[in-house]
Amino acid sequence: MEPRAHGAEIQGVVFEDRVRVHDMSLLAAHVGLLRWKMVFRGYVAALCLGQGLSPDDWSADVPKRLELVYFWPIAGQAFGRTGEEILARNVSAEEMARLRTRLDRIASLYPDVRAGDRLSLTYMPGIGSELAANGKVLGTVEGADFAAAYFAIWLGRKPMSAPLRDRLLGRR
């Protein structure tokens, strides 16, 4: 399924139809809401992909971006810990060990977030995965293997939230 060519609004949050990254335009594909304990809104997310890509291409070495807008404050140190717990459900222990220094790197980049803050994780082939907060790049982690593994936190077989994953991939 081809990504939509227009932006989206969900839970009062607007995502642009296109984001420009490193002279490339990524299109908003699908959006979703993460509910915590089935009741509380945690954040909304948008998956953006390069022109002509399907959401099913998310794990390939292709340009992609997840943008998350938070409804609650979260301490930066919680991102790395929670991310690793979910990542361990999606990759082998050997792969976790191989990714260790890069996992430590991205965990060190996460800031504390407040309600309304936007975090984005953008992967560009040959550049790596850039973590940004409110449009400011905080750092980059190299490797297509890292991007495929890390995006699995949201889009993998055993993600943070299967309903959110399914919405981001256009399955519901």
C-alpha atoms as a PDB file:
ATOM      1  CA  MET A   1       0.000   0.000   0.000  1.00  0.00           C
ATOM      2  CA  GLU A   2       1.389   3.396  -1.052  1.00  0.00           C
ATOM      3  CA  PRO A   3       1.721   6.043   1.711  1.00  0.00           C
ATOM      4  CA  ARG A   4      -0.881   8.813   1.694  1.00  0.00           C
ATOM      5  CA  ALA A   5       0.118  12.065   0.028  1.00  0.00           C
ATOM      6  CA  HIS A   6      -1.526  14.235   2.717  1.00  0.00           C
ATOM      7  CA  GLY A   7      -0.910  14.785   6.406  1.00  0.00           C
ATOM      8  CA  ALA A   8      -3.002  13.518   9.260  1.00  0.00           C
ATOM      9  CA  GLU A   9      -4.496  14.646  12.533  1.00  0.00           C
ATOM     10  CA  ILE A  10      -4.961  12.291  15.444  1.00  0.00           C
ATOM     11  CA  GLN A  11      -5.966  13.174  19.001  1.00  0.00           C
ATOM     12  CA  GLY A  12      -5.548  16.861  18.121  1.00  0.00           C
ATOM     13  CA  VAL A  13      -1.961  16.411  16.901  1.00  0.00           C
ATOM     14  CA  VAL A  14      -1.176  17.287  13.302  1.00  0.00           C
ATOM     15  CA  PHE A  15       1.517  15.512  11.317  1.00  0.00           C
ATOM     16  CA  GLU A  16       2.713  17.139   8.120  1.00  0.00           C
ATOM     17  CA  ASP A  17       2.165  15.315   4.839  1.00  0.00           C
ATOM     18  CA  ARG A  18       5.907  15.463   4.044  1.00  0.00           C
ATOM     19  CA  VAL A  19       9.080  15.916   6.022  1.00  0.00           C
ATOM     20  CA  ARG A  20      12.310  16.998   4.380  1.00  0.00           C
ATOM     21  CA  VAL A  21      15.414  15.171   5.640  1.00  0.00           C
ATOM     22  CA  HIS A  22      18.851  15.359   4.024  1.00  0.00           C
ATOM     23  CA  ASP A  23      17.378  16.685   0.762  1.00  0.00           C
ATOM     24  CA  MET A  24      14.856  13.847   0.614  1.00  0.00           C
ATOM     25  CA  SER A  25      11.112  14.076   1.041  1.00  0.00           C
ATOM     26  CA  LEU A  26       9.485  11.437   3.255  1.00  0.00           C
ATOM     27  CA  LEU A  27       5.717  11.007   3.049  1.00  0.00           C
ATOM     28  CA  ALA A  28       3.413  10.453   6.006  1.00  0.00           C
ATOM     29  CA  ALA A  29       2.174   6.873   5.646  1.00  0.00           C
ATOM     30  CA  HIS A  30       0.003   6.124   8.695  1.00  0.00           C
ATOM     31  CA  VAL A  31      -0.590   7.406  12.221  1.00  0.00           C
ATOM     32  CA  GLY A  32      -1.610   5.731  15.454  1.00  0.00           C
ATOM     33  CA  LEU A  33      -2.183   6.216  19.159  1.00  0.00           C
ATOM     34  CA  LEU A  34      -0.369   4.349  21.919  1.00  0.00           C
ATOM     35  CA  ARG A  35      -2.636   3.660  24.861  1.00  0.00           C
ATOM     36  CA  TRP A  36      -1.043   2.745  28.158  1.00  0.00           C
ATOM     37  CA  LYS A  37      -2.973   0.180  30.188  1.00  0.00           C
ATOM     38  CA  MET A  38      -5.710   0.434  27.534  1.00  0.00           C
ATOM     39  CA  VAL A  39      -6.967   3.696  29.043  1.00  0.00           C
ATOM     40  CA  PHE A  40      -4.358   6.468  29.081  1.00  0.00           C
ATOM     41  CA  ARG A  41      -3.079   8.171  25.947  1.00  0.00           C
ATOM     42  CA  GLY A  42       0.703   7.834  25.934  1.00  0.00           C
ATOM     43  CA  TYR A  43       1.618   9.338  22.581  1.00  0.00           C
ATOM     44  CA  VAL A  44       0.655   9.514  18.954  1.00  0.00           C
ATOM     45  CA  ALA A  45       3.017   8.440  16.209  1.00  0.00           C
ATOM     46  CA  ALA A  46       3.433   8.818  12.465  1.00  0.00           C
ATOM     47  CA  LEU A  47       5.405   6.556  10.151  1.00  0.00           C
ATOM     48  CA  CYS A  48       6.958   8.394   7.190  1.00  0.00           C
ATOM     49  CA  LEU A  49       8.577   6.667   4.218  1.00  0.00           C
ATOM     50  CA  GLY A  50      10.339   7.525   1.001  1.00  0.00           C
ATOM     51  CA  GLN A  51       8.321   7.940  -2.192  1.00  0.00           C
ATOM     52  CA  GLY A  52       7.014   4.638  -3.572  1.00  0.00           C
ATOM     53  CA  LEU A  53       7.744   2.602  -0.425  1.00  0.00           C
ATOM     54  CA  SER A  54       5.193   0.438   1.331  1.00  0.00           C
ATOM     55  CA  PRO A  55       4.900   0.323   5.142  1.00  0.00           C
ATOM     56  CA  ASP A  56       5.947  -3.328   4.810  1.00  0.00           C
ATOM     57  CA  ASP A  57       9.387  -2.034   3.717  1.00  0.00           C
ATOM     58  CA  TRP A  58      10.080  -0.606   7.190  1.00  0.00           C
ATOM     59  CA  SER A  59      12.877  -3.084   8.043  1.00  0.00           C
ATOM     60  CA  ALA A  60      14.735  -2.672   4.721  1.00  0.00           C
ATOM     61  CA  ASP A  61      17.681  -0.319   4.188  1.00  0.00           C
ATOM     62  CA  VAL A  62      15.368   2.508   3.077  1.00  0.00           C
ATOM     63  CA  PRO A  63      14.622   6.033   4.353  1.00  0.00           C
ATOM     64  CA  LYS A  64      12.080   6.015   7.174  1.00  0.00           C
ATOM     65  CA  ARG A  65      10.996   8.091  10.117  1.00  0.00           C
ATOM     66  CA  LEU A  66       8.914   7.635  13.235  1.00  0.00           C
ATOM     67  CA  GLU A  67       7.676  10.820  14.818  1.00  0.00           C
ATOM     68  CA  LEU A  68       6.191  10.611  18.314  1.00  0.00           C
ATOM     69  CA  VAL A  69       4.266  13.328  20.150  1.00  0.00           C
ATOM     70  CA  TYR A  70       3.909  12.755  23.890  1.00  0.00           C
ATOM     71  CA  PHE A  71       0.934  13.475  26.142  1.00  0.00           C
ATOM     72  CA  TRP A  72       2.875  12.984  29.420  1.00  0.00           C
ATOM     73  CA  PRO A  73       6.335  13.854  30.712  1.00  0.00           C
ATOM     74  CA  ILE A  74       8.832  10.976  30.600  1.00  0.00           C
ATOM     75  CA  ALA A  75      12.365  10.884  32.011  1.00  0.00           C
ATOM     76  CA  GLY A  76      14.990  10.428  29.299  1.00  0.00           C
ATOM     77  CA  GLN A  77      16.623   7.506  31.088  1.00  0.00           C
ATOM     78  CA  ALA A  78      13.371   5.521  30.842  1.00  0.00           C
ATOM     79  CA  PHE A  79      13.554   5.408  27.032  1.00  0.00           C
ATOM     80  CA  GLY A  80      16.708   3.308  26.829  1.00  0.00           C
ATOM     81  CA  ARG A  81      15.601   0.854  29.506  1.00  0.00           C
ATOM     82  CA  THR A  82      12.115   0.351  28.073  1.00  0.00           C
ATOM     83  CA  GLY A  83      13.388   0.235  24.499  1.00  0.00           C
ATOM     84  CA  GLU A  84      15.871  -2.487  25.319  1.00  0.00           C
ATOM     85  CA  GLU A  85      13.236  -4.608  27.062  1.00  0.00           C
ATOM     86  CA  ILE A  86      11.045  -4.488  23.964  1.00  0.00           C
ATOM     87  CA  LEU A  87      13.959  -4.901  21.577  1.00  0.00           C
ATOM     88  CA  ALA A  88      15.005  -8.089  23.408  1.00  0.00           C
ATOM     89  CA  ARG A  89      11.610  -9.576  22.472  1.00  0.00           C
ATOM     90  CA  ASN A  90      12.348  -8.961  18.784  1.00  0.00           C
ATOM     91  CA  VAL A  91      16.027  -9.850  18.313  1.00  0.00           C
ATOM     92  CA  SER A  92      18.322 -12.606  19.550  1.00  0.00           C
ATOM     93  CA  ALA A  93      20.654 -12.254  22.525  1.00  0.00           C
ATOM     94  CA  GLU A  94      23.570 -12.410  20.086  1.00  0.00           C
ATOM     95  CA  GLU A  95      22.180  -9.488  18.107  1.00  0.00           C
ATOM     96  CA  MET A  96      21.593  -7.521  21.323  1.00  0.00           C
ATOM     97  CA  ALA A  97      25.241  -8.112  22.234  1.00  0.00           C
ATOM     98  CA  ARG A  98      26.386  -7.030  18.766  1.00  0.00           C
ATOM     99  CA  LEU A  99      24.317  -3.833  19.024  1.00  0.00           C
ATOM    100  CA  ARG A 100      25.333  -3.071  22.632  1.00  0.00           C
ATOM    101  CA  THR A 101      27.566  -0.016  22.070  1.00  0.00           C
ATOM    102  CA  ARG A 102      25.040   1.539  19.687  1.00  0.00           C
ATOM    103  CA  LEU A 103      22.161   0.826  22.094  1.00  0.00           C
ATOM    104  CA  ASP A 104      24.123   2.565  24.842  1.00  0.00           C
ATOM    105  CA  ARG A 105      24.746   5.483  22.476  1.00  0.00           C
ATOM    106  CA  ILE A 106      21.078   6.034  21.605  1.00  0.00           C
ATOM    107  CA  ALA A 107      20.003   5.584  25.235  1.00  0.00           C
ATOM    108  CA  SER A 108      22.420   8.391  26.195  1.00  0.00           C
ATOM    109  CA  LEU A 109      20.815  10.748  23.644  1.00  0.00           C
ATOM    110  CA  TYR A 110      17.219  10.654  24.923  1.00  0.00           C
ATOM    111  CA  PRO A 111      16.166  13.841  26.695  1.00  0.00           C
ATOM    112  CA  ASP A 112      13.475  14.222  29.294  1.00  0.00           C
ATOM    113  CA  VAL A 113      10.228  14.984  27.454  1.00  0.00           C
ATOM    114  CA  ARG A 114       7.283  17.135  28.435  1.00  0.00           C
ATOM    115  CA  ALA A 115       3.705  16.898  27.227  1.00  0.00           C
ATOM    116  CA  GLY A 116       3.616  18.138  23.617  1.00  0.00           C
ATOM    117  CA  ASP A 117       7.258  17.339  22.840  1.00  0.00           C
ATOM    118  CA  ARG A 118       8.048  15.614  19.528  1.00  0.00           C
ATOM    119  CA  LEU A 119      10.748  12.990  19.252  1.00  0.00           C
ATOM    120  CA  SER A 120      11.692  11.607  15.866  1.00  0.00           C
ATOM    121  CA  LEU A 121      13.862   8.708  14.820  1.00  0.00           C
ATOM    122  CA  THR A 122      14.892   9.054  11.188  1.00  0.00           C
ATOM    123  CA  TYR A 123      16.960   6.489   9.317  1.00  0.00           C
ATOM    124  CA  MET A 124      18.743   7.506   6.134  1.00  0.00           C
ATOM    125  CA  PRO A 125      20.864   4.923   4.261  1.00  0.00           C
ATOM    126  CA  GLY A 126      24.549   5.750   4.486  1.00  0.00           C
ATOM    127  CA  ILE A 127      23.961   8.220   7.337  1.00  0.00           C
ATOM    128  CA  GLY A 128      22.308   6.267  10.145  1.00  0.00           C
ATOM    129  CA  SER A 129      19.488   6.763  12.621  1.00  0.00           C
ATOM    130  CA  GLU A 130      19.093  10.333  13.844  1.00  0.00           C
ATOM    131  CA  LEU A 131      17.299  11.009  17.096  1.00  0.00           C
ATOM    132  CA  ALA A 132      15.789  14.491  17.278  1.00  0.00           C
ATOM    133  CA  ALA A 133      13.740  16.346  19.876  1.00  0.00           C
ATOM    134  CA  ASN A 134      11.432  19.132  18.722  1.00  0.00           C
ATOM    135  CA  GLY A 135      13.319  19.329  15.435  1.00  0.00           C
ATOM    136  CA  LYS A 136      16.832  19.473  16.929  1.00  0.00           C
ATOM    137  CA  VAL A 137      19.093  16.525  16.037  1.00  0.00           C
ATOM    138  CA  LEU A 138      20.575  15.069  19.229  1.00  0.00           C
ATOM    139  CA  GLY A 139      22.842  12.488  17.606  1.00  0.00           C
ATOM    140  CA  THR A 140      23.170   9.735  15.036  1.00  0.00           C
ATOM    141  CA  VAL A 141      23.712   5.994  15.391  1.00  0.00           C
ATOM    142  CA  GLU A 142      25.184   4.230  12.356  1.00  0.00           C
ATOM    143  CA  GLY A 143      24.086   1.066  10.617  1.00  0.00           C
ATOM    144  CA  ALA A 144      21.152  -0.328   8.671  1.00  0.00           C
ATOM    145  CA  ASP A 145      21.251  -3.311  11.039  1.00  0.00           C
ATOM    146  CA  PHE A 146      20.763  -1.003  14.011  1.00  0.00           C
ATOM    147  CA  ALA A 147      17.833   0.799  12.321  1.00  0.00           C
ATOM    148  CA  ALA A 148      16.073  -2.449  11.418  1.00  0.00           C
ATOM    149  CA  ALA A 149      16.445  -3.704  14.981  1.00  0.00           C
ATOM    150  CA  TYR A 150      15.545  -0.433  16.715  1.00  0.00           C
ATOM    151  CA  PHE A 151      12.466   0.316  14.609  1.00  0.00           C
ATOM    152  CA  ALA A 152      11.238  -3.154  15.659  1.00  0.00           C
ATOM    153  CA  ILE A 153      10.464  -1.630  19.069  1.00  0.00           C
ATOM    154  CA  TRP A 154       7.401  -0.102  17.375  1.00  0.00           C
ATOM    155  CA  LEU A 155       7.018  -2.159  14.198  1.00  0.00           C
ATOM    156  CA  GLY A 156       8.433  -5.638  14.922  1.00  0.00           C
ATOM    157  CA  ARG A 157       6.851  -9.009  15.674  1.00  0.00           C
ATOM    158  CA  LYS A 158       6.514  -8.215  19.394  1.00  0.00           C
ATOM    159  CA  PRO A 159       6.349  -4.422  19.549  1.00  0.00           C
ATOM    160  CA  MET A 160       5.581  -2.037  22.362  1.00  0.00           C
ATOM    161  CA  SER A 161       1.943  -2.115  21.202  1.00  0.00           C
ATOM    162  CA  ALA A 162       0.517  -4.413  18.533  1.00  0.00           C
ATOM    163  CA  PRO A 163      -2.490  -2.106  17.896  1.00  0.00           C
ATOM    164  CA  LEU A 164      -0.146   0.863  17.361  1.00  0.00           C
ATOM    165  CA  ARG A 165       2.102  -1.195  15.073  1.00  0.00           C
ATOM    166  CA  ASP A 166      -0.869  -2.340  13.045  1.00  0.00           C
ATOM    167  CA  ARG A 167      -2.121   1.223  12.604  1.00  0.00           C
ATOM    168  CA  LEU A 168       1.342   2.518  11.614  1.00  0.00           C
ATOM    169  CA  LEU A 169       1.654  -0.278   9.048  1.00  0.00           C
ATOM    170  CA  GLY A 170      -1.852   0.364   7.688  1.00  0.00           C
ATOM    171  CA  ARG A 171      -3.209  -2.974   8.840  1.00  0.00           C
ATOM    172  CA  ARG A 172      -6.204  -1.409  10.682  1.00  0.00           C
END
